[in-house]
């Protein structure tokens, strides 16, 4: 078997066990896993014009959207997952967010940390479950905003 492929995701084992990794390192890979999942979802929709793809995926990967998703996930998380989220949220990155406030940025990092942790623990079913929930949360927010705008017109 190819050592880089597990299931449907490319994979290479990290140098350290996931529970011992720096939370920012987990967030680093979690950001990439989240982005790939969202891009695959957006490509499953009918509009494939480049601008539409970018605009749609941006609504899912922003720090604000990720913070909202994490808040929706919190009641669903196990104790182990909650501990990883706290490690990610409390990690000091040393950089300031560009398009989000610091609280959103920390929660976004925490979400990415959890995704990276689940990815390296090879918890594919749990990761897929949470990612589907993320899409639902964000799509519901988009539907709510559309309803408000249509009432204002």
N, C-alpha and C. Protein backbone atom coordinates (compact mmCIF):
# COMPACT_ATOMS: atom_id res chain seq x y z
N UNK A 1 0.84 -1.19 0.00
CA UNK A 1 0.00 0.00 0.00
C UNK A 1 0.88 1.25 0.00
N UNK A 2 0.43 2.25 -0.72
CA UNK A 2 1.15 3.52 -0.78
C UNK A 2 1.17 4.15 0.62
N UNK A 3 2.33 4.50 1.17
CA UNK A 3 2.40 5.02 2.54
C UNK A 3 1.78 6.41 2.70
N UNK A 4 1.45 7.07 1.60
CA UNK A 4 0.91 8.42 1.68
C UNK A 4 -0.62 8.46 1.63
N UNK A 5 -1.24 7.34 1.35
CA UNK A 5 -2.69 7.36 1.18
C UNK A 5 -3.36 6.47 2.22
N UNK A 6 -4.31 7.04 2.93
CA UNK A 6 -5.15 6.28 3.85
C UNK A 6 -6.58 6.65 3.48
N UNK A 7 -7.36 5.69 3.06
CA UNK A 7 -8.72 6.01 2.65
C UNK A 7 -8.70 6.97 1.49
N UNK A 8 -9.36 8.08 1.68
CA UNK A 8 -9.48 9.07 0.61
C UNK A 8 -8.58 10.28 0.81
N UNK A 9 -7.87 10.35 1.93
CA UNK A 9 -7.03 11.50 2.21
C UNK A 9 -5.56 11.16 2.10
N UNK A 10 -4.78 12.09 1.60
CA UNK A 10 -3.33 11.93 1.62
C UNK A 10 -2.90 12.02 3.08
N UNK A 11 -1.91 11.24 3.44
CA UNK A 11 -1.54 11.20 4.84
C UNK A 11 -0.08 10.79 5.02
N UNK A 12 0.58 11.45 5.95
CA UNK A 12 1.92 11.06 6.39
C UNK A 12 1.93 11.23 7.90
N UNK A 13 2.47 10.25 8.59
CA UNK A 13 2.49 10.30 10.05
C UNK A 13 3.34 11.48 10.55
N UNK A 14 2.86 12.17 11.58
CA UNK A 14 3.66 13.27 12.14
C UNK A 14 4.82 12.72 12.97
N UNK A 15 5.77 13.59 13.29
CA UNK A 15 6.94 13.19 14.06
C UNK A 15 6.60 12.84 15.51
N UNK A 16 5.49 13.40 16.02
CA UNK A 16 5.08 13.18 17.41
C UNK A 16 3.65 12.67 17.44
N UNK A 17 3.28 11.98 18.50
CA UNK A 17 1.87 11.56 18.64
C UNK A 17 0.98 12.80 18.69
N UNK A 18 -0.22 12.74 18.12
CA UNK A 18 -1.10 13.92 18.06
C UNK A 18 -1.36 14.57 19.43
N UNK A 19 -1.48 13.78 20.47
CA UNK A 19 -1.74 14.33 21.80
C UNK A 19 -0.57 15.11 22.37
N UNK A 20 0.62 14.91 21.80
CA UNK A 20 1.83 15.60 22.28
C UNK A 20 2.25 16.75 21.37
N UNK A 21 1.54 16.92 20.25
CA UNK A 21 1.92 17.96 19.30
C UNK A 21 1.53 19.35 19.79
N UNK A 22 2.29 20.33 19.37
CA UNK A 22 1.98 21.73 19.63
C UNK A 22 0.60 22.01 19.02
N UNK A 23 -0.30 22.65 19.75
CA UNK A 23 -1.63 22.92 19.20
C UNK A 23 -1.60 23.75 17.92
N UNK A 24 -0.60 24.61 17.78
CA UNK A 24 -0.51 25.39 16.54
C UNK A 24 -0.09 24.53 15.36
N UNK A 25 0.68 23.47 15.63
CA UNK A 25 1.03 22.53 14.56
C UNK A 25 -0.21 21.74 14.14
N UNK A 26 -1.03 21.35 15.12
CA UNK A 26 -2.29 20.67 14.79
C UNK A 26 -3.20 21.61 14.00
N UNK A 27 -3.25 22.88 14.39
CA UNK A 27 -4.08 23.85 13.67
C UNK A 27 -3.56 24.05 12.24
N UNK A 28 -2.27 23.99 12.08
CA UNK A 28 -1.65 24.14 10.75
C UNK A 28 -2.18 23.09 9.79
N UNK A 29 -2.16 21.82 10.21
CA UNK A 29 -2.67 20.76 9.33
C UNK A 29 -4.19 20.78 9.32
N UNK A 30 -4.81 21.13 10.44
CA UNK A 30 -6.27 21.20 10.50
C UNK A 30 -6.84 22.23 9.54
N UNK A 31 -6.14 23.35 9.39
CA UNK A 31 -6.55 24.37 8.43
C UNK A 31 -6.57 23.81 7.02
N UNK A 32 -5.56 23.05 6.67
CA UNK A 32 -5.47 22.46 5.33
C UNK A 32 -6.55 21.39 5.11
N UNK A 33 -6.78 20.54 6.11
CA UNK A 33 -7.80 19.50 6.00
C UNK A 33 -9.17 20.14 5.85
N UNK A 34 -9.45 21.16 6.66
CA UNK A 34 -10.73 21.87 6.60
C UNK A 34 -10.92 22.51 5.21
N UNK A 35 -9.88 23.16 4.73
CA UNK A 35 -9.94 23.83 3.42
C UNK A 35 -10.22 22.82 2.31
N UNK A 36 -9.55 21.69 2.30
CA UNK A 36 -9.77 20.67 1.27
C UNK A 36 -11.20 20.15 1.35
N UNK A 37 -11.68 19.88 2.54
CA UNK A 37 -13.04 19.39 2.71
C UNK A 37 -14.05 20.39 2.17
N UNK A 38 -13.87 21.67 2.51
CA UNK A 38 -14.77 22.72 2.05
C UNK A 38 -14.69 22.87 0.53
N UNK A 39 -13.50 22.82 -0.02
CA UNK A 39 -13.37 22.93 -1.48
C UNK A 39 -14.06 21.76 -2.18
N UNK A 40 -13.94 20.57 -1.61
CA UNK A 40 -14.64 19.43 -2.20
C UNK A 40 -16.15 19.63 -2.13
N UNK A 41 -16.63 20.14 -1.02
CA UNK A 41 -18.06 20.40 -0.87
C UNK A 41 -18.52 21.44 -1.90
N UNK A 42 -17.79 22.53 -2.02
CA UNK A 42 -18.17 23.59 -2.96
C UNK A 42 -18.17 23.06 -4.39
N UNK A 43 -17.23 22.19 -4.71
CA UNK A 43 -17.20 21.61 -6.05
C UNK A 43 -18.34 20.60 -6.28
N UNK A 44 -18.96 20.15 -5.21
CA UNK A 44 -20.11 19.25 -5.36
C UNK A 44 -21.39 20.02 -5.71
N UNK A 45 -21.32 21.35 -5.61
CA UNK A 45 -22.46 22.21 -5.95
C UNK A 45 -22.39 22.58 -7.43
N UNK A 46 -23.49 23.06 -8.01
CA UNK A 46 -23.52 23.26 -9.46
C UNK A 46 -22.70 24.42 -10.03
N UNK A 47 -22.48 25.51 -9.31
CA UNK A 47 -21.81 26.68 -9.89
C UNK A 47 -20.30 26.56 -9.75
N UNK A 48 -19.60 26.36 -10.88
CA UNK A 48 -18.14 26.18 -10.85
C UNK A 48 -17.38 27.35 -11.45
N UNK A 49 -18.00 28.50 -11.55
CA UNK A 49 -17.24 29.68 -11.99
C UNK A 49 -16.23 30.03 -10.91
N UNK A 50 -15.01 30.39 -11.28
CA UNK A 50 -13.95 30.63 -10.29
C UNK A 50 -14.35 31.62 -9.20
N UNK A 51 -14.97 32.73 -9.57
CA UNK A 51 -15.34 33.72 -8.56
C UNK A 51 -16.38 33.14 -7.59
N UNK A 52 -17.33 32.39 -8.12
CA UNK A 52 -18.36 31.78 -7.27
C UNK A 52 -17.73 30.75 -6.33
N UNK A 53 -16.78 29.97 -6.83
CA UNK A 53 -16.10 28.98 -5.99
C UNK A 53 -15.38 29.67 -4.84
N UNK A 54 -14.65 30.73 -5.17
CA UNK A 54 -13.89 31.45 -4.16
C UNK A 54 -14.81 32.10 -3.13
N UNK A 55 -15.84 32.75 -3.60
CA UNK A 55 -16.77 33.44 -2.70
C UNK A 55 -17.47 32.45 -1.78
N UNK A 56 -17.92 31.35 -2.34
CA UNK A 56 -18.62 30.35 -1.53
C UNK A 56 -17.68 29.72 -0.50
N UNK A 57 -16.49 29.31 -0.93
CA UNK A 57 -15.58 28.67 0.03
C UNK A 57 -15.12 29.65 1.10
N UNK A 58 -14.96 30.91 0.75
CA UNK A 58 -14.55 31.92 1.74
C UNK A 58 -15.56 32.07 2.86
N UNK A 59 -16.84 31.88 2.54
CA UNK A 59 -17.87 32.00 3.58
C UNK A 59 -17.77 30.87 4.60
N UNK A 60 -17.11 29.77 4.25
CA UNK A 60 -16.95 28.63 5.17
C UNK A 60 -15.64 28.68 5.94
N UNK A 61 -14.60 29.27 5.36
CA UNK A 61 -13.28 29.18 5.97
C UNK A 61 -12.85 30.44 6.73
N UNK A 62 -13.69 31.44 6.79
CA UNK A 62 -13.33 32.65 7.53
C UNK A 62 -13.25 32.34 9.03
N UNK A 63 -12.48 33.13 9.73
CA UNK A 63 -12.36 32.95 11.18
C UNK A 63 -13.73 33.11 11.85
N UNK A 64 -14.52 34.05 11.36
CA UNK A 64 -15.85 34.28 11.93
C UNK A 64 -16.73 33.03 11.76
N UNK A 65 -16.73 32.44 10.57
CA UNK A 65 -17.53 31.24 10.31
C UNK A 65 -17.03 30.07 11.15
N UNK A 66 -15.71 29.91 11.24
CA UNK A 66 -15.15 28.80 12.01
C UNK A 66 -15.47 28.95 13.50
N UNK A 67 -15.44 30.17 14.01
CA UNK A 67 -15.79 30.39 15.42
C UNK A 67 -17.25 30.03 15.66
N UNK A 68 -18.11 30.40 14.73
CA UNK A 68 -19.53 30.07 14.85
C UNK A 68 -19.73 28.55 14.85
N UNK A 69 -19.02 27.87 13.98
CA UNK A 69 -19.11 26.41 13.91
C UNK A 69 -18.64 25.79 15.22
N UNK A 70 -17.52 26.25 15.75
CA UNK A 70 -17.01 25.68 16.99
C UNK A 70 -18.01 25.83 18.13
N UNK A 71 -18.65 26.98 18.20
CA UNK A 71 -19.67 27.17 19.25
C UNK A 71 -20.82 26.17 19.08
N UNK A 72 -21.19 25.88 17.85
CA UNK A 72 -22.24 24.89 17.60
C UNK A 72 -21.76 23.49 17.95
N UNK A 73 -20.48 23.22 17.76
CA UNK A 73 -19.93 21.89 18.06
C UNK A 73 -19.79 21.63 19.56
N UNK A 74 -19.57 22.65 20.35
CA UNK A 74 -19.19 22.47 21.75
C UNK A 74 -20.06 21.46 22.51
N UNK A 75 -21.39 21.51 22.40
CA UNK A 75 -22.19 20.52 23.14
C UNK A 75 -22.02 19.09 22.62
N UNK A 76 -21.48 18.94 21.42
CA UNK A 76 -21.34 17.62 20.80
C UNK A 76 -19.99 16.96 21.08
N UNK A 77 -19.05 17.72 21.64
CA UNK A 77 -17.68 17.24 21.79
C UNK A 77 -17.51 16.34 23.00
N UNK A 78 -16.64 15.37 22.85
CA UNK A 78 -16.25 14.52 23.98
C UNK A 78 -15.32 15.32 24.89
N UNK A 79 -15.03 14.79 26.05
CA UNK A 79 -14.10 15.46 26.97
C UNK A 79 -12.72 15.58 26.32
N UNK A 80 -12.27 14.54 25.66
CA UNK A 80 -10.97 14.56 24.98
C UNK A 80 -10.95 15.67 23.92
N UNK A 81 -12.00 15.76 23.12
CA UNK A 81 -12.07 16.78 22.07
C UNK A 81 -12.13 18.18 22.67
N UNK A 82 -12.88 18.34 23.75
CA UNK A 82 -12.96 19.64 24.43
C UNK A 82 -11.60 20.08 24.95
N UNK A 83 -10.83 19.13 25.46
CA UNK A 83 -9.48 19.45 25.94
C UNK A 83 -8.58 19.92 24.80
N UNK A 84 -8.70 19.30 23.66
CA UNK A 84 -7.91 19.72 22.49
C UNK A 84 -8.34 21.12 22.05
N UNK A 85 -9.63 21.37 22.06
CA UNK A 85 -10.15 22.70 21.71
C UNK A 85 -9.58 23.76 22.66
N UNK A 86 -9.56 23.47 23.95
CA UNK A 86 -9.02 24.43 24.92
C UNK A 86 -7.53 24.68 24.68
N UNK A 87 -6.79 23.62 24.36
CA UNK A 87 -5.37 23.80 24.04
C UNK A 87 -5.20 24.70 22.83
N UNK A 88 -6.02 24.48 21.81
CA UNK A 88 -5.94 25.29 20.59
C UNK A 88 -6.35 26.73 20.83
N UNK A 89 -7.40 26.92 21.61
CA UNK A 89 -7.88 28.27 21.89
C UNK A 89 -6.87 29.06 22.70
N UNK A 90 -6.16 28.39 23.61
CA UNK A 90 -5.22 29.08 24.48
C UNK A 90 -3.82 29.24 23.89
N UNK A 91 -3.57 28.64 22.74
CA UNK A 91 -2.25 28.73 22.11
C UNK A 91 -1.98 30.16 21.65
N UNK A 92 -0.79 30.62 21.89
CA UNK A 92 -0.39 31.98 21.49
C UNK A 92 0.37 31.90 20.18
N UNK A 93 -0.23 32.42 19.12
CA UNK A 93 0.39 32.30 17.80
C UNK A 93 1.43 33.37 17.53
N UNK A 94 1.34 34.50 18.22
CA UNK A 94 2.30 35.57 17.98
C UNK A 94 1.96 36.42 16.77
N UNK A 95 0.84 36.14 16.11
CA UNK A 95 0.42 36.95 14.97
C UNK A 95 -0.96 37.52 15.26
N UNK A 96 -1.23 38.66 14.65
CA UNK A 96 -2.54 39.30 14.80
C UNK A 96 -3.42 38.90 13.61
N UNK A 97 -4.70 38.66 13.86
CA UNK A 97 -5.60 38.31 12.76
C UNK A 97 -5.80 39.49 11.82
N UNK A 98 -5.96 39.19 10.53
CA UNK A 98 -6.14 40.25 9.53
C UNK A 98 -7.60 40.68 9.40
N UNK A 99 -8.51 39.70 9.36
CA UNK A 99 -9.91 40.01 9.07
C UNK A 99 -10.87 39.52 10.14
N UNK A 100 -10.39 39.43 11.37
CA UNK A 100 -11.24 38.95 12.46
C UNK A 100 -10.76 39.56 13.76
N UNK A 101 -11.64 39.55 14.76
CA UNK A 101 -11.18 40.01 16.06
C UNK A 101 -10.42 38.85 16.73
N UNK A 102 -9.73 39.16 17.80
CA UNK A 102 -8.86 38.17 18.44
C UNK A 102 -9.65 36.97 18.98
N UNK A 103 -10.84 37.19 19.50
CA UNK A 103 -11.63 36.08 20.03
C UNK A 103 -12.03 35.12 18.92
N UNK A 104 -12.52 35.66 17.80
CA UNK A 104 -12.87 34.79 16.66
C UNK A 104 -11.64 34.03 16.17
N UNK A 105 -10.52 34.71 16.13
CA UNK A 105 -9.28 34.09 15.67
C UNK A 105 -8.87 32.93 16.58
N UNK A 106 -9.01 33.11 17.87
CA UNK A 106 -8.64 32.03 18.80
C UNK A 106 -9.57 30.82 18.67
N UNK A 107 -10.86 31.10 18.51
CA UNK A 107 -11.81 29.99 18.33
C UNK A 107 -11.59 29.30 16.99
N UNK A 108 -11.24 30.06 15.99
CA UNK A 108 -10.93 29.48 14.68
C UNK A 108 -9.71 28.57 14.79
N UNK A 109 -8.69 29.03 15.49
CA UNK A 109 -7.50 28.21 15.72
C UNK A 109 -7.86 26.95 16.49
N UNK A 110 -8.74 27.07 17.47
CA UNK A 110 -9.17 25.91 18.26
C UNK A 110 -9.88 24.89 17.39
N UNK A 111 -10.74 25.36 16.49
CA UNK A 111 -11.44 24.45 15.56
C UNK A 111 -10.42 23.73 14.68
N UNK A 112 -9.48 24.47 14.12
CA UNK A 112 -8.46 23.87 13.26
C UNK A 112 -7.59 22.89 14.03
N UNK A 113 -7.31 23.19 15.28
CA UNK A 113 -6.52 22.29 16.13
C UNK A 113 -7.26 20.97 16.31
N UNK A 114 -8.55 21.03 16.58
CA UNK A 114 -9.34 19.81 16.74
C UNK A 114 -9.38 19.01 15.44
N UNK A 115 -9.55 19.68 14.33
CA UNK A 115 -9.57 18.98 13.04
C UNK A 115 -8.23 18.29 12.79
N UNK A 116 -7.13 19.00 13.06
CA UNK A 116 -5.81 18.39 12.90
C UNK A 116 -5.62 17.19 13.81
N UNK A 117 -6.08 17.30 15.03
CA UNK A 117 -5.99 16.20 15.98
C UNK A 117 -6.77 14.99 15.49
N UNK A 118 -8.01 15.20 15.08
CA UNK A 118 -8.83 14.08 14.59
C UNK A 118 -8.24 13.47 13.32
N UNK A 119 -7.69 14.32 12.48
CA UNK A 119 -7.06 13.84 11.24
C UNK A 119 -5.88 12.92 11.57
N UNK A 120 -4.99 13.37 12.46
CA UNK A 120 -3.83 12.55 12.79
C UNK A 120 -4.17 11.34 13.64
N UNK A 121 -5.27 11.38 14.36
CA UNK A 121 -5.73 10.21 15.11
C UNK A 121 -6.49 9.24 14.20
N UNK A 122 -6.66 9.63 12.94
CA UNK A 122 -7.35 8.82 11.92
C UNK A 122 -8.80 8.55 12.31
N UNK A 123 -9.43 9.52 12.92
CA UNK A 123 -10.84 9.42 13.31
C UNK A 123 -11.68 9.99 12.17
N UNK A 124 -11.67 9.29 11.07
CA UNK A 124 -12.30 9.77 9.83
C UNK A 124 -13.81 9.94 9.98
N UNK A 125 -14.46 8.98 10.62
CA UNK A 125 -15.92 9.09 10.76
C UNK A 125 -16.30 10.28 11.61
N UNK A 126 -15.60 10.50 12.70
CA UNK A 126 -15.89 11.63 13.58
C UNK A 126 -15.59 12.94 12.87
N UNK A 127 -14.50 12.98 12.14
CA UNK A 127 -14.14 14.17 11.38
C UNK A 127 -15.21 14.48 10.34
N UNK A 128 -15.67 13.47 9.62
CA UNK A 128 -16.71 13.67 8.61
C UNK A 128 -18.01 14.15 9.25
N UNK A 129 -18.34 13.58 10.40
CA UNK A 129 -19.56 13.98 11.12
C UNK A 129 -19.51 15.46 11.50
N UNK A 130 -18.39 15.88 12.06
CA UNK A 130 -18.25 17.27 12.47
C UNK A 130 -18.20 18.21 11.26
N UNK A 131 -17.56 17.78 10.19
CA UNK A 131 -17.49 18.63 9.00
C UNK A 131 -18.87 18.81 8.37
N UNK A 132 -19.66 17.77 8.34
CA UNK A 132 -21.03 17.91 7.82
C UNK A 132 -21.84 18.86 8.71
N UNK A 133 -21.62 18.78 10.00
CA UNK A 133 -22.28 19.70 10.93
C UNK A 133 -21.82 21.14 10.65
N UNK A 134 -20.55 21.33 10.35
CA UNK A 134 -20.03 22.66 10.04
C UNK A 134 -20.74 23.25 8.82
N UNK A 135 -20.88 22.45 7.79
CA UNK A 135 -21.56 22.91 6.58
C UNK A 135 -23.01 23.28 6.89
N UNK A 136 -23.68 22.47 7.69
CA UNK A 136 -25.06 22.75 8.07
C UNK A 136 -25.16 24.07 8.83
N UNK A 137 -24.27 24.29 9.78
CA UNK A 137 -24.28 25.52 10.58
C UNK A 137 -24.09 26.73 9.69
N UNK A 138 -23.13 26.67 8.80
CA UNK A 138 -22.84 27.83 7.95
C UNK A 138 -23.95 28.03 6.92
N UNK A 139 -24.43 26.95 6.32
CA UNK A 139 -25.53 27.08 5.36
C UNK A 139 -26.78 27.65 6.02
N UNK A 140 -27.05 27.24 7.26
CA UNK A 140 -28.21 27.77 7.98
C UNK A 140 -28.04 29.27 8.21
N UNK A 141 -26.84 29.69 8.56
CA UNK A 141 -26.56 31.11 8.74
C UNK A 141 -26.77 31.89 7.45
N UNK A 142 -26.34 31.32 6.33
CA UNK A 142 -26.54 31.96 5.02
C UNK A 142 -28.03 32.07 4.71
N UNK A 143 -28.79 31.01 4.98
CA UNK A 143 -30.23 31.01 4.72
C UNK A 143 -30.92 32.06 5.60
N UNK A 144 -30.50 32.16 6.86
CA UNK A 144 -31.08 33.16 7.76
C UNK A 144 -30.81 34.57 7.27
N UNK A 145 -29.57 34.82 6.81
CA UNK A 145 -29.23 36.15 6.29
C UNK A 145 -30.03 36.46 5.03
N UNK A 146 -30.19 35.49 4.15
CA UNK A 146 -30.96 35.69 2.92
C UNK A 146 -32.41 36.03 3.25
N UNK A 147 -32.97 35.37 4.24
CA UNK A 147 -34.35 35.62 4.63
C UNK A 147 -34.51 37.04 5.17
N UNK A 148 -33.54 37.51 5.94
CA UNK A 148 -33.58 38.86 6.48
C UNK A 148 -33.51 39.88 5.35
N UNK A 149 -32.58 39.66 4.40
CA UNK A 149 -32.42 40.60 3.30
C UNK A 149 -33.67 40.63 2.41
N UNK A 150 -34.29 39.50 2.18
CA UNK A 150 -35.47 39.48 1.32
C UNK A 150 -36.65 40.17 2.00
N UNK A 151 -36.74 40.12 3.33
CA UNK A 151 -37.80 40.82 4.06
C UNK A 151 -37.61 42.34 4.02
N UNK A 152 -36.33 42.78 3.98
CA UNK A 152 -36.03 44.21 3.96
C UNK A 152 -36.35 44.84 2.62
N UNK A 153 -36.39 44.05 1.56
CA UNK A 153 -36.61 44.61 0.22
C UNK A 153 -38.02 44.91 -0.07
